[in-house]
Amino acid sequence: MVGSEVSARPRLEEQCPVCGDRVSGYHYGLLTCESCKGFFKRTVQNKKSYQCAASSNCPVDKAGRKRCPRCRFAKCLQQGMKIEGRFTYFASKAIFAFSSDFIHLLLTTSRSP
C-alpha cells in the first residue's frame, strides 16, 4: 500500500513541458515549474493580452522564457494548461478518491431484491 502511495506522487525530477525548468507539481492541470505556474496565473487573472514582436513562433526555454510572453502563454495552452480552474495534484487525487468511494457506496447499497 505504501508503494502505491509513493508512486502516485509527481516525479519532481521531470522537466516543465513549457520551459524545461524543474517541475514543482501539478498546476492548472499540468505538471509545470513554479515560474510557468505564476506566469500563467498572472496572465489569466489580469486578463493580459500579449503581442509577439516576431512571427508568433519564438523559442520558449528556461533562459529565454521571459522574452516573449505571447509565445510563452501560447505554449502553456498548447501543452495543456487549463484556464478553467486550478487543481493541485493532491486536491485532484482527494476529489477522485471521494468520488470513487461515493460511487462504490452507491453501487453496493442501491441493489434491490
PDB file of N, CA and C in Angstrom:
ATOM      1  N   MET A   1       0.824  -1.193   0.000  1.00  0.00           N
ATOM      2  CA  MET A   1       0.000   0.000   0.000  1.00  0.00           C
ATOM      3  C   MET A   1       0.867   1.254   0.000  1.00  0.00           C
ATOM      4  N   VAL A   2       1.935   1.215   0.775  1.00  0.00           N
ATOM      5  CA  VAL A   2       2.817   2.380   0.840  1.00  0.00           C
ATOM      6  C   VAL A   2       3.473   2.618  -0.509  1.00  0.00           C
ATOM      7  N   GLY A   3       3.859   1.553  -1.196  1.00  0.00           N
ATOM      8  CA  GLY A   3       4.494   1.696  -2.504  1.00  0.00           C
ATOM      9  C   GLY A   3       3.598   2.369  -3.518  1.00  0.00           C
ATOM     10  N   SER A   4       2.292   2.068  -3.470  1.00  0.00           N
ATOM     11  CA  SER A   4       1.371   2.692  -4.420  1.00  0.00           C
ATOM     12  C   SER A   4       1.177   4.168  -4.115  1.00  0.00           C
ATOM     13  N   GLU A   5       1.240   4.544  -2.835  1.00  0.00           N
ATOM     14  CA  GLU A   5       1.102   5.952  -2.479  1.00  0.00           C
ATOM     15  C   GLU A   5       2.297   6.754  -2.967  1.00  0.00           C
ATOM     16  N   VAL A   6       3.481   6.184  -2.852  1.00  0.00           N
ATOM     17  CA  VAL A   6       4.688   6.881  -3.291  1.00  0.00           C
ATOM     18  C   VAL A   6       4.685   7.046  -4.802  1.00  0.00           C
ATOM     19  N   SER A   7       4.271   6.016  -5.541  1.00  0.00           N
ATOM     20  CA  SER A   7       4.286   6.105  -6.996  1.00  0.00           C
ATOM     21  C   SER A   7       3.222   7.060  -7.527  1.00  0.00           C
ATOM     22  N   ALA A   8       2.214   7.399  -6.720  1.00  0.00           N
ATOM     23  CA  ALA A   8       1.165   8.315  -7.163  1.00  0.00           C
ATOM     24  C   ALA A   8       1.622   9.770  -7.117  1.00  0.00           C
ATOM     25  N   ARG A   9       2.699  10.048  -6.424  1.00  0.00           N
ATOM     26  CA  ARG A   9       3.196  11.422  -6.337  1.00  0.00           C
ATOM     27  C   ARG A   9       3.903  11.820  -7.628  1.00  0.00           C
ATOM     28  N   PRO A  10       3.891  13.120  -7.952  1.00  0.00           N
ATOM     29  CA  PRO A  10       4.576  13.558  -9.173  1.00  0.00           C
ATOM     30  C   PRO A  10       6.081  13.372  -9.047  1.00  0.00           C
ATOM     31  N   ARG A  11       6.712  13.025 -10.146  1.00  0.00           N
ATOM     32  CA  ARG A  11       8.167  12.877 -10.162  1.00  0.00           C
ATOM     33  C   ARG A  11       8.767  14.246 -10.407  1.00  0.00           C
ATOM     34  N   LEU A  12       9.350  14.822  -9.377  1.00  0.00           N
ATOM     35  CA  LEU A  12       9.807  16.199  -9.449  1.00  0.00           C
ATOM     36  C   LEU A  12      11.125  16.369 -10.186  1.00  0.00           C
ATOM     37  N   GLU A  13      11.697  15.288 -10.693  1.00  0.00           N
ATOM     38  CA  GLU A  13      12.899  15.441 -11.500  1.00  0.00           C
ATOM     39  C   GLU A  13      12.556  15.687 -12.972  1.00  0.00           C
ATOM     40  N   GLU A  14      11.288  15.660 -13.301  1.00  0.00           N
ATOM     41  CA  GLU A  14      10.860  15.900 -14.678  1.00  0.00           C
ATOM     42  C   GLU A  14      11.037  17.366 -15.054  1.00  0.00           C
ATOM     43  N   GLN A  15      11.052  17.613 -16.354  1.00  0.00           N
ATOM     44  CA  GLN A  15      11.186  18.979 -16.865  1.00  0.00           C
ATOM     45  C   GLN A  15       9.821  19.550 -17.209  1.00  0.00           C
ATOM     46  N   CYS A  16       9.686  20.851 -16.983  1.00  0.00           N
ATOM     47  CA  CYS A  16       8.466  21.567 -17.337  1.00  0.00           C
ATOM     48  C   CYS A  16       8.274  21.479 -18.855  1.00  0.00           C
ATOM     49  N   PRO A  17       7.100  21.069 -19.322  1.00  0.00           N
ATOM     50  CA  PRO A  17       6.873  20.970 -20.765  1.00  0.00           C
ATOM     51  C   PRO A  17       6.813  22.324 -21.465  1.00  0.00           C
ATOM     52  N   VAL A  18       6.705  23.399 -20.695  1.00  0.00           N
ATOM     53  CA  VAL A  18       6.652  24.736 -21.290  1.00  0.00           C
ATOM     54  C   VAL A  18       8.056  25.289 -21.486  1.00  0.00           C
ATOM     55  N   CYS A  19       8.864  25.295 -20.410  1.00  0.00           N
ATOM     56  CA  CYS A  19      10.167  25.964 -20.490  1.00  0.00           C
ATOM     57  C   CYS A  19      11.370  25.065 -20.229  1.00  0.00           C
ATOM     58  N   GLY A  20      11.164  23.875 -19.726  1.00  0.00           N
ATOM     59  CA  GLY A  20      12.266  22.961 -19.474  1.00  0.00           C
ATOM     60  C   GLY A  20      12.861  23.034 -18.081  1.00  0.00           C
ATOM     61  N   ASP A  21      12.371  23.924 -17.234  1.00  0.00           N
ATOM     62  CA  ASP A  21      12.853  24.019 -15.852  1.00  0.00           C
ATOM     63  C   ASP A  21      12.343  22.805 -15.066  1.00  0.00           C
ATOM     64  N   ARG A  22      12.800  22.651 -13.843  1.00  0.00           N
ATOM     65  CA  ARG A  22      12.386  21.536 -12.993  1.00  0.00           C
ATOM     66  C   ARG A  22      10.942  21.751 -12.532  1.00  0.00           C
ATOM     67  N   VAL A  23      10.123  20.719 -12.626  1.00  0.00           N
ATOM     68  CA  VAL A  23       8.719  20.837 -12.225  1.00  0.00           C
ATOM     69  C   VAL A  23       8.587  20.873 -10.707  1.00  0.00           C
ATOM     70  N   SER A  24       7.501  21.490 -10.239  1.00  0.00           N
ATOM     71  CA  SER A  24       7.249  21.562  -8.801  1.00  0.00           C
ATOM     72  C   SER A  24       5.930  20.894  -8.419  1.00  0.00           C
ATOM     73  N   GLY A  25       5.095  20.568  -9.387  1.00  0.00           N
ATOM     74  CA  GLY A  25       3.813  19.928  -9.111  1.00  0.00           C
ATOM     75  C   GLY A  25       2.815  20.215 -10.210  1.00  0.00           C
ATOM     76  N   TYR A  26       1.585  19.769  -9.990  1.00  0.00           N
ATOM     77  CA  TYR A  26       0.526  19.996 -10.970  1.00  0.00           C
ATOM     78  C   TYR A  26      -0.093  21.368 -10.753  1.00  0.00           C
ATOM     79  N   HIS A  27      -0.121  22.151 -11.818  1.00  0.00           N
ATOM     80  CA  HIS A  27      -0.684  23.493 -11.768  1.00  0.00           C
ATOM     81  C   HIS A  27      -1.558  23.689 -12.995  1.00  0.00           C
ATOM     82  N   TYR A  28      -2.804  24.052 -12.772  1.00  0.00           N
ATOM     83  CA  TYR A  28      -3.745  24.299 -13.872  1.00  0.00           C
ATOM     84  C   TYR A  28      -3.834  23.098 -14.811  1.00  0.00           C
ATOM     85  N   GLY A  29      -3.791  21.916 -14.224  1.00  0.00           N
ATOM     86  CA  GLY A  29      -3.971  20.695 -14.985  1.00  0.00           C
ATOM     87  C   GLY A  29      -2.728  20.108 -15.611  1.00  0.00           C
ATOM     88  N   LEU A  30      -1.563  20.689 -15.363  1.00  0.00           N
ATOM     89  CA  LEU A  30      -0.335  20.217 -15.998  1.00  0.00           C
ATOM     90  C   LEU A  30       0.818  20.242 -15.005  1.00  0.00           C
ATOM     91  N   LEU A  31       1.706  19.295 -15.110  1.00  0.00           N
ATOM     92  CA  LEU A  31       2.904  19.245 -14.280  1.00  0.00           C
ATOM     93  C   LEU A  31       3.887  20.290 -14.808  1.00  0.00           C
ATOM     94  N   THR A  32       4.070  21.408 -14.051  1.00  0.00           N
ATOM     95  CA  THR A  32       4.910  22.520 -14.512  1.00  0.00           C
ATOM     96  C   THR A  32       5.809  23.042 -13.399  1.00  0.00           C
ATOM     97  N   CYS A  33       6.670  23.993 -13.757  1.00  0.00           N
ATOM     98  CA  CYS A  33       7.546  24.657 -12.793  1.00  0.00           C
ATOM     99  C   CYS A  33       6.801  25.812 -12.120  1.00  0.00           C
ATOM    100  N   GLU A  34       7.402  26.347 -11.057  1.00  0.00           N
ATOM    101  CA  GLU A  34       6.805  27.473 -10.333  1.00  0.00           C
ATOM    102  C   GLU A  34       6.709  28.718 -11.209  1.00  0.00           C
ATOM    103  N   SER A  35       7.711  28.943 -12.040  1.00  0.00           N
ATOM    104  CA  SER A  35       7.737  30.137 -12.882  1.00  0.00           C
ATOM    105  C   SER A  35       6.578  30.147 -13.880  1.00  0.00           C
ATOM    106  N   CYS A  36       6.357  29.032 -14.539  1.00  0.00           N
ATOM    107  CA  CYS A  36       5.258  28.964 -15.509  1.00  0.00           C
ATOM    108  C   CYS A  36       3.908  28.987 -14.807  1.00  0.00           C
ATOM    109  N   LYS A  37       3.826  28.397 -13.617  1.00  0.00           N
ATOM    110  CA  LYS A  37       2.591  28.469 -12.832  1.00  0.00           C
ATOM    111  C   LYS A  37       2.244  29.927 -12.534  1.00  0.00           C
ATOM    112  N   GLY A  38       3.208  30.680 -12.030  1.00  0.00           N
ATOM    113  CA  GLY A  38       2.971  32.086 -11.690  1.00  0.00           C
ATOM    114  C   GLY A  38       2.657  32.931 -12.905  1.00  0.00           C
ATOM    115  N   PHE A  39       3.396  32.704 -13.987  1.00  0.00           N
ATOM    116  CA  PHE A  39       3.159  33.441 -15.231  1.00  0.00           C
ATOM    117  C   PHE A  39       1.737  33.190 -15.737  1.00  0.00           C
ATOM    118  N   PHE A  40       1.329  31.930 -15.762  1.00  0.00           N
ATOM    119  CA  PHE A  40       0.001  31.569 -16.243  1.00  0.00           C
ATOM    120  C   PHE A  40      -1.076  32.192 -15.359  1.00  0.00           C
ATOM    121  N   LYS A  41      -0.883  32.119 -14.052  1.00  0.00           N
ATOM    122  CA  LYS A  41      -1.846  32.684 -13.107  1.00  0.00           C
ATOM    123  C   LYS A  41      -2.012  34.187 -13.320  1.00  0.00           C
ATOM    124  N   ARG A  42      -0.896  34.914 -13.420  1.00  0.00           N
ATOM    125  CA  ARG A  42      -0.964  36.371 -13.619  1.00  0.00           C
ATOM    126  C   ARG A  42      -1.626  36.720 -14.943  1.00  0.00           C
ATOM    127  N   THR A  43      -1.299  35.979 -15.966  1.00  0.00           N
ATOM    128  CA  THR A  43      -1.869  36.240 -17.287  1.00  0.00           C
ATOM    129  C   THR A  43      -3.383  36.066 -17.272  1.00  0.00           C
ATOM    130  N   VAL A  44      -3.848  34.990 -16.665  1.00  0.00           N
ATOM    131  CA  VAL A  44      -5.282  34.703 -16.629  1.00  0.00           C
ATOM    132  C   VAL A  44      -6.009  35.667 -15.694  1.00  0.00           C
ATOM    133  N   GLN A  45      -5.491  35.849 -14.484  1.00  0.00           N
ATOM    134  CA  GLN A  45      -6.171  36.711 -13.510  1.00  0.00           C
ATOM    135  C   GLN A  45      -6.248  38.161 -13.968  1.00  0.00           C
ATOM    136  N   ASN A  46      -5.188  38.646 -14.577  1.00  0.00           N
ATOM    137  CA  ASN A  46      -5.153  40.043 -15.022  1.00  0.00           C
ATOM    138  C   ASN A  46      -5.670  40.221 -16.444  1.00  0.00           C
ATOM    139  N   LYS A  47      -6.122  39.129 -17.052  1.00  0.00           N
ATOM    140  CA  LYS A  47      -6.670  39.142 -18.415  1.00  0.00           C
ATOM    141  C   LYS A  47      -5.746  39.871 -19.382  1.00  0.00           C
ATOM    142  N   LYS A  48      -4.474  39.487 -19.321  1.00  0.00           N
ATOM    143  CA  LYS A  48      -3.474  40.139 -20.164  1.00  0.00           C
ATOM    144  C   LYS A  48      -3.557  39.630 -21.595  1.00  0.00           C
ATOM    145  N   SER A  49      -3.291  40.524 -22.509  1.00  0.00           N
ATOM    146  CA  SER A  49      -3.231  40.186 -23.924  1.00  0.00           C
ATOM    147  C   SER A  49      -1.862  40.605 -24.434  1.00  0.00           C
ATOM    148  N   TYR A  50      -1.112  39.648 -24.935  1.00  0.00           N
ATOM    149  CA  TYR A  50       0.255  39.912 -25.372  1.00  0.00           C
ATOM    150  C   TYR A  50       0.357  39.931 -26.892  1.00  0.00           C
ATOM    151  N   GLN A  51       1.340  40.645 -27.382  1.00  0.00           N
ATOM    152  CA  GLN A  51       1.660  40.670 -28.806  1.00  0.00           C
ATOM    153  C   GLN A  51       3.068  40.118 -28.991  1.00  0.00           C
ATOM    154  N   CYS A  52       3.281  39.402 -30.066  1.00  0.00           N
ATOM    155  CA  CYS A  52       4.606  38.881 -30.391  1.00  0.00           C
ATOM    156  C   CYS A  52       5.269  39.824 -31.383  1.00  0.00           C
ATOM    157  N   ALA A  53       6.510  40.187 -31.104  1.00  0.00           N
ATOM    158  CA  ALA A  53       7.254  41.077 -31.995  1.00  0.00           C
ATOM    159  C   ALA A  53       7.798  40.322 -33.205  1.00  0.00           C
ATOM    160  N   ALA A  54       7.805  39.015 -33.131  1.00  0.00           N
ATOM    161  CA  ALA A  54       8.326  38.194 -34.229  1.00  0.00           C
ATOM    162  C   ALA A  54       7.160  37.531 -34.971  1.00  0.00           C
ATOM    163  N   SER A  55       7.311  36.280 -35.286  1.00  0.00           N
ATOM    164  CA  SER A  55       6.313  35.567 -36.089  1.00  0.00           C
ATOM    165  C   SER A  55       5.434  34.625 -35.261  1.00  0.00           C
ATOM    166  N   SER A  56       5.285  34.905 -33.974  1.00  0.00           N
ATOM    167  CA  SER A  56       4.498  34.067 -33.056  1.00  0.00           C
ATOM    168  C   SER A  56       5.013  32.637 -32.993  1.00  0.00           C
ATOM    169  N   ASN A  57       6.319  32.501 -33.115  1.00  0.00           N
ATOM    170  CA  ASN A  57       6.943  31.188 -33.052  1.00  0.00           C
ATOM    171  C   ASN A  57       8.275  31.274 -32.306  1.00  0.00           C
ATOM    172  N   CYS A  58       8.320  32.099 -31.264  1.00  0.00           N
ATOM    173  CA  CYS A  58       9.558  32.302 -30.507  1.00  0.00           C
ATOM    174  C   CYS A  58       9.879  31.065 -29.674  1.00  0.00           C
ATOM    175  N   PRO A  59      11.160  30.731 -29.532  1.00  0.00           N
ATOM    176  CA  PRO A  59      11.522  29.605 -28.667  1.00  0.00           C
ATOM    177  C   PRO A  59      11.254  29.959 -27.201  1.00  0.00           C
ATOM    178  N   VAL A  60      10.704  29.015 -26.470  1.00  0.00           N
ATOM    179  CA  VAL A  60      10.436  29.211 -25.046  1.00  0.00           C
ATOM    180  C   VAL A  60      11.260  28.173 -24.294  1.00  0.00           C
ATOM    181  N   ASP A  61      12.284  28.643 -23.592  1.00  0.00           N
ATOM    182  CA  ASP A  61      13.111  27.767 -22.775  1.00  0.00           C
ATOM    183  C   ASP A  61      13.420  28.467 -21.461  1.00  0.00           C
ATOM    184  N   LYS A  62      14.134  27.782 -20.588  1.00  0.00           N
ATOM    185  CA  LYS A  62      14.403  28.337 -19.261  1.00  0.00           C
ATOM    186  C   LYS A  62      15.129  29.675 -19.338  1.00  0.00           C
ATOM    187  N   ALA A  63      16.097  29.790 -20.217  1.00  0.00           N
ATOM    188  CA  ALA A  63      16.889  31.019 -20.324  1.00  0.00           C
ATOM    189  C   ALA A  63      16.099  32.164 -20.963  1.00  0.00           C
ATOM    190  N   GLY A  64      15.219  31.852 -21.905  1.00  0.00           N
ATOM    191  CA  GLY A  64      14.530  32.913 -22.637  1.00  0.00           C
ATOM    192  C   GLY A  64      13.033  32.965 -22.447  1.00  0.00           C
ATOM    193  N   ARG A  65      12.535  32.369 -21.378  1.00  0.00           N
ATOM    194  CA  ARG A  65      11.082  32.305 -21.197  1.00  0.00           C
ATOM    195  C   ARG A  65      10.434  33.657 -20.947  1.00  0.00           C
ATOM    196  N   LYS A  66      11.227  34.661 -20.568  1.00  0.00           N
ATOM    197  CA  LYS A  66      10.667  35.991 -20.297  1.00  0.00           C
ATOM    198  C   LYS A  66      10.718  36.909 -21.515  1.00  0.00           C
ATOM    199  N   ARG A  67      11.303  36.453 -22.602  1.00  0.00           N
ATOM    200  CA  ARG A  67      11.466  37.311 -23.788  1.00  0.00           C
ATOM    201  C   ARG A  67      10.159  37.589 -24.514  1.00  0.00           C
ATOM    202  N   CYS A  68       9.329  36.573 -24.669  1.00  0.00           N
ATOM    203  CA  CYS A  68       8.082  36.753 -25.420  1.00  0.00           C
ATOM    204  C   CYS A  68       6.914  36.124 -24.652  1.00  0.00           C
ATOM    205  N   PRO A  69       6.195  36.925 -23.882  1.00  0.00           N
ATOM    206  CA  PRO A  69       5.088  36.369 -23.098  1.00  0.00           C
ATOM    207  C   PRO A  69       3.953  35.805 -23.960  1.00  0.00           C
ATOM    208  N   ARG A  70       3.755  36.336 -25.152  1.00  0.00           N
ATOM    209  CA  ARG A  70       2.693  35.831 -26.026  1.00  0.00           C
ATOM    210  C   ARG A  70       2.978  34.384 -26.421  1.00  0.00           C
ATOM    211  N   CYS A  71       4.205  34.116 -26.835  1.00  0.00           N
ATOM    212  CA  CYS A  71       4.572  32.756 -27.236  1.00  0.00           C
ATOM    213  C   CYS A  71       4.611  31.812 -26.035  1.00  0.00           C
ATOM    214  N   ARG A  72       5.003  32.327 -24.884  1.00  0.00           N
ATOM    215  CA  ARG A  72       5.019  31.504 -23.671  1.00  0.00           C
ATOM    216  C   ARG A  72       3.598  31.118 -23.272  1.00  0.00           C
ATOM    217  N   PHE A  73       2.677  32.066 -23.299  1.00  0.00           N
ATOM    218  CA  PHE A  73       1.292  31.764 -22.945  1.00  0.00           C
ATOM    219  C   PHE A  73       0.690  30.778 -23.949  1.00  0.00           C
ATOM    220  N   ALA A  74       0.995  30.975 -25.218  1.00  0.00           N
ATOM    221  CA  ALA A  74       0.505  30.053 -26.248  1.00  0.00           C
ATOM    222  C   ALA A  74       1.031  28.642 -25.996  1.00  0.00           C
ATOM    223  N   LYS A  75       2.291  28.534 -25.582  1.00  0.00           N
ATOM    224  CA  LYS A  75       2.868  27.218 -25.309  1.00  0.00           C
ATOM    225  C   LYS A  75       2.241  26.598 -24.062  1.00  0.00           C
ATOM    226  N   CYS A  76       1.940  27.422 -23.056  1.00  0.00           N
ATOM    227  CA  CYS A  76       1.238  26.922 -21.865  1.00  0.00           C
ATOM    228  C   CYS A  76      -0.071  26.257 -22.273  1.00  0.00           C
ATOM    229  N   LEU A  77      -0.843  26.931 -23.105  1.00  0.00           N
ATOM    230  CA  LEU A  77      -2.125  26.396 -23.561  1.00  0.00           C
ATOM    231  C   LEU A  77      -1.926  25.169 -24.443  1.00  0.00           C
ATOM    232  N   GLN A  78      -0.952  25.240 -25.330  1.00  0.00           N
ATOM    233  CA  GLN A  78      -0.672  24.136 -26.246  1.00  0.00           C
ATOM    234  C   GLN A  78      -0.275  22.873 -25.478  1.00  0.00           C
ATOM    235  N   GLN A  79       0.468  23.033 -24.395  1.00  0.00           N
ATOM    236  CA  GLN A  79       0.918  21.884 -23.614  1.00  0.00           C
ATOM    237  C   GLN A  79      -0.177  21.327 -22.705  1.00  0.00           C
ATOM    238  N   GLY A  80      -1.257  22.103 -22.493  1.00  0.00           N
ATOM    239  CA  GLY A  80      -2.385  21.572 -21.742  1.00  0.00           C
ATOM    240  C   GLY A  80      -2.770  22.296 -20.465  1.00  0.00           C
ATOM    241  N   MET A  81      -2.198  23.465 -20.186  1.00  0.00           N
ATOM    242  CA  MET A  81      -2.626  24.212 -19.004  1.00  0.00           C
ATOM    243  C   MET A  81      -4.052  24.703 -19.245  1.00  0.00           C
ATOM    244  N   LYS A  82      -4.874  24.660 -18.208  1.00  0.00           N
ATOM    245  CA  LYS A  82      -6.293  24.967 -18.357  1.00  0.00           C
ATOM    246  C   LYS A  82      -6.668  26.247 -17.617  1.00  0.00           C
ATOM    247  N   ILE A  83      -7.364  27.123 -18.321  1.00  0.00           N
ATOM    248  CA  ILE A  83      -7.802  28.397 -17.765  1.00  0.00           C
ATOM    249  C   ILE A  83      -8.948  28.184 -16.778  1.00  0.00           C
ATOM    250  N   GLU A  84      -9.744  27.147 -16.977  1.00  0.00           N
ATOM    251  CA  GLU A  84     -10.978  26.940 -16.222  1.00  0.00           C
ATOM    252  C   GLU A  84     -10.789  26.897 -14.716  1.00  0.00           C
ATOM    253  N   GLY A  85      -9.709  26.375 -14.247  1.00  0.00           N
ATOM    254  CA  GLY A  85      -9.560  26.260 -12.803  1.00  0.00           C
ATOM    255  C   GLY A  85      -8.207  25.756 -12.406  1.00  0.00           C
ATOM    256  N   ARG A  86      -8.004  25.758 -11.113  1.00  0.00           N
ATOM    257  CA  ARG A  86      -6.714  25.378 -10.570  1.00  0.00           C
ATOM    258  C   ARG A  86      -6.917  24.223  -9.608  1.00  0.00           C
ATOM    259  N   PHE A  87      -6.355  23.082  -9.953  1.00  0.00           N
ATOM    260  CA  PHE A  87      -6.366  21.937  -9.068  1.00  0.00           C
ATOM    261  C   PHE A  87      -4.938  21.492  -8.856  1.00  0.00           C
ATOM    262  N   THR A  88      -4.548  21.413  -7.615  1.00  0.00           N
ATOM    263  CA  THR A  88      -3.233  20.854  -7.348  1.00  0.00           C
ATOM    264  C   THR A  88      -3.330  19.351  -7.487  1.00  0.00           C
ATOM    265  N   TYR A  89      -2.214  18.700  -7.605  1.00  0.00           N
ATOM    266  CA  TYR A  89      -2.173  17.253  -7.765  1.00  0.00           C
ATOM    267  C   TYR A  89      -2.878  16.565  -6.597  1.00  0.00           C
ATOM    268  N   PHE A  90      -2.573  16.991  -5.387  1.00  0.00           N
ATOM    269  CA  PHE A  90      -3.118  16.322  -4.215  1.00  0.00           C
ATOM    270  C   PHE A  90      -4.604  16.606  -4.051  1.00  0.00           C
ATOM    271  N   ALA A  91      -5.074  17.793  -4.385  1.00  0.00           N
ATOM    272  CA  ALA A  91      -6.500  18.100  -4.312  1.00  0.00           C
ATOM    273  C   ALA A  91      -7.270  17.256  -5.319  1.00  0.00           C
ATOM    274  N   SER A  92      -6.751  17.113  -6.520  1.00  0.00           N
ATOM    275  CA  SER A  92      -7.445  16.320  -7.532  1.00  0.00           C
ATOM    276  C   SER A  92      -7.477  14.851  -7.127  1.00  0.00           C
ATOM    277  N   LYS A  93      -6.413  14.350  -6.485  1.00  0.00           N
ATOM    278  CA  LYS A  93      -6.401  12.975  -6.002  1.00  0.00           C
ATOM    279  C   LYS A  93      -7.456  12.790  -4.912  1.00  0.00           C
ATOM    280  N   ALA A  94      -7.613  13.771  -4.025  1.00  0.00           N
ATOM    281  CA  ALA A  94      -8.604  13.686  -2.951  1.00  0.00           C
ATOM    282  C   ALA A  94     -10.015  13.680  -3.529  1.00  0.00           C
ATOM    283  N   ILE A  95     -10.268  14.515  -4.528  1.00  0.00           N
ATOM    284  CA  ILE A  95     -11.581  14.559  -5.170  1.00  0.00           C
ATOM    285  C   ILE A  95     -11.875  13.229  -5.843  1.00  0.00           C
ATOM    286  N   PHE A  96     -10.875  12.670  -6.533  1.00  0.00           N
ATOM    287  CA  PHE A  96     -11.051  11.384  -7.198  1.00  0.00           C
ATOM    288  C   PHE A  96     -11.335  10.288  -6.170  1.00  0.00           C
ATOM    289  N   ALA A  97     -10.592  10.278  -5.061  1.00  0.00           N
ATOM    290  CA  ALA A  97     -10.790   9.265  -4.027  1.00  0.00           C
ATOM    291  C   ALA A  97     -12.195   9.373  -3.443  1.00  0.00           C
ATOM    292  N   PHE A  98     -12.653  10.592  -3.176  1.00  0.00           N
ATOM    293  CA  PHE A  98     -14.005  10.799  -2.649  1.00  0.00           C
ATOM    294  C   PHE A  98     -15.037  10.294  -3.653  1.00  0.00           C
ATOM    295  N   SER A  99     -14.879  10.654  -4.917  1.00  0.00           N
ATOM    296  CA  SER A  99     -15.826  10.244  -5.953  1.00  0.00           C
ATOM    297  C   SER A  99     -15.871   8.733  -6.077  1.00  0.00           C
ATOM    298  N   SER A 100     -14.713   8.090  -6.062  1.00  0.00           N
ATOM    299  CA  SER A 100     -14.650   6.638  -6.178  1.00  0.00           C
ATOM    300  C   SER A 100     -15.338   5.965  -5.005  1.00  0.00           C
ATOM    301  N   ASP A 101     -15.090   6.459  -3.795  1.00  0.00           N
ATOM    302  CA  ASP A 101     -15.730   5.894  -2.607  1.00  0.00           C
ATOM    303  C   ASP A 101     -17.244   6.083  -2.659  1.00  0.00           C
ATOM    304  N   PHE A 102     -17.689   7.243  -3.095  1.00  0.00           N
ATOM    305  CA  PHE A 102     -19.117   7.537  -3.179  1.00  0.00           C
ATOM    306  C   PHE A 102     -19.793   6.635  -4.208  1.00  0.00           C
ATOM    307  N   ILE A 103     -19.182   6.467  -5.359  1.00  0.00           N
ATOM    308  CA  ILE A 103     -19.740   5.597  -6.401  1.00  0.00           C
ATOM    309  C   ILE A 103     -19.812   4.163  -5.893  1.00  0.00           C
ATOM    310  N   HIS A 104     -18.754   3.715  -5.228  1.00  0.00           N
ATOM    311  CA  HIS A 104     -18.745   2.357  -4.675  1.00  0.00           C
ATOM    312  C   HIS A 104     -19.884   2.186  -3.668  1.00  0.00           C
ATOM    313  N   LEU A 105     -20.082   3.167  -2.806  1.00  0.00           N
ATOM    314  CA  LEU A 105     -21.161   3.125  -1.820  1.00  0.00           C
ATOM    315  C   LEU A 105     -22.519   3.038  -2.513  1.00  0.00           C
ATOM    316  N   LEU A 106     -22.727   3.830  -3.545  1.00  0.00           N
ATOM    317  CA  LEU A 106     -23.995   3.795  -4.278  1.00  0.00           C
ATOM    318  C   LEU A 106     -24.235   2.437  -4.925  1.00  0.00           C
ATOM    319  N   LEU A 107     -23.198   1.876  -5.508  1.00  0.00           N
ATOM    320  CA  LEU A 107     -23.348   0.598  -6.198  1.00  0.00           C
ATOM    321  C   LEU A 107     -23.616  -0.549  -5.238  1.00  0.00           C
ATOM    322  N   THR A 108     -23.029  -0.498  -4.061  1.00  0.00           N
ATOM    323  CA  THR A 108     -23.202  -1.616  -3.126  1.00  0.00           C
ATOM    324  C   THR A 108     -24.466  -1.504  -2.291  1.00  0.00           C
ATOM    325  N   THR A 109     -25.014  -0.322  -2.107  1.00  0.00           N
ATOM    326  CA  THR A 109     -26.199  -0.175  -1.253  1.00  0.00           C
ATOM    327  C   THR A 109     -27.489   0.003  -2.037  1.00  0.00           C
ATOM    328  N   SER A 110     -27.435   0.244  -3.318  1.00  0.00           N
ATOM    329  CA  SER A 110     -28.664   0.521  -4.071  1.00  0.00           C
ATOM    330  C   SER A 110     -29.229  -0.707  -4.770  1.00  0.00           C
ATOM    331  N   ARG A 111     -28.701  -1.873  -4.455  1.00  0.00           N
ATOM    332  CA  ARG A 111     -29.250  -3.094  -5.056  1.00  0.00           C
ATOM    333  C   ARG A 111     -30.551  -3.463  -4.358  1.00  0.00           C
ATOM    334  N   SER A 112     -31.567  -3.666  -5.140  1.00  0.00           N
ATOM    335  CA  SER A 112     -32.856  -4.055  -4.548  1.00  0.00           C
ATOM    336  C   SER A 112     -33.171  -5.498  -4.921  1.00  0.00           C
ATOM    337  N   PRO A 113     -33.845  -6.242  -4.013  1.00  0.00           N
ATOM    338  CA  PRO A 113     -34.139  -7.668  -4.275  1.00  0.00           C
ATOM    339  C   PRO A 113     -35.158  -7.867  -5.358  1.00  0.00           C
TER     340      PRO A 113
END
